[in-house]
């Protein structure tokens, strides 16, 4: 009698156990569709976060001021005809770099007064370059094959014009320049600068 009950119980349990194993170890069509959707979303998310984002801009103007100890401010003015702003994801941050084209830049080096009436004067750099790079993270500007002119101009305001009547006291070409916007005085470097000193008329 006991053997018959055991046999009957096994006959019922074995098919149930077999069905449970099949159900838990095999994937249904809906499971496969859900899995494929998750994989696709992960691939899309990873491609979005690892790819660059670009933005094209025209006639970009940057104005940067530096406070001095005597309460004056040096002014840098960068103008480009066209630029491409690129955001590159690096770990959990973004590197932001702007590639500039058709660059004109005025940079005040020094503000002072001259003459018996203490007329305001400024010593100013003017550069022109076909291409350059501005790194937002490090606040660094780089350009190659640069025309560089140095002026002494009246006033303490930048002229914003490349065709001013005053002749530069120094003019030349540099293979590349860089300046770093940090502190009260930006760090400026010009490599292989061939200068010509302007003669007084």
Foldseek 3Di string as FASTA:
>chain_A
DVVVVVVVVCVVVVVVVVVVVCVVPDDDPVNVVVVVVVVVVVVVVVVVQQDKDKDKDAFDKDWDWFQDPVRDIKIKIKTAGIKMWIWGDDPPGTWIKIKGAFIKMKTWQDWFFDDPVRFIKTKMKIKTAGIWMATPVQRKIKGAFMKMFIAIGTDDDDPPDPDDPDHGQKIWTFRMKMWTPDHRGIDIDGHPTDMDGDDDD
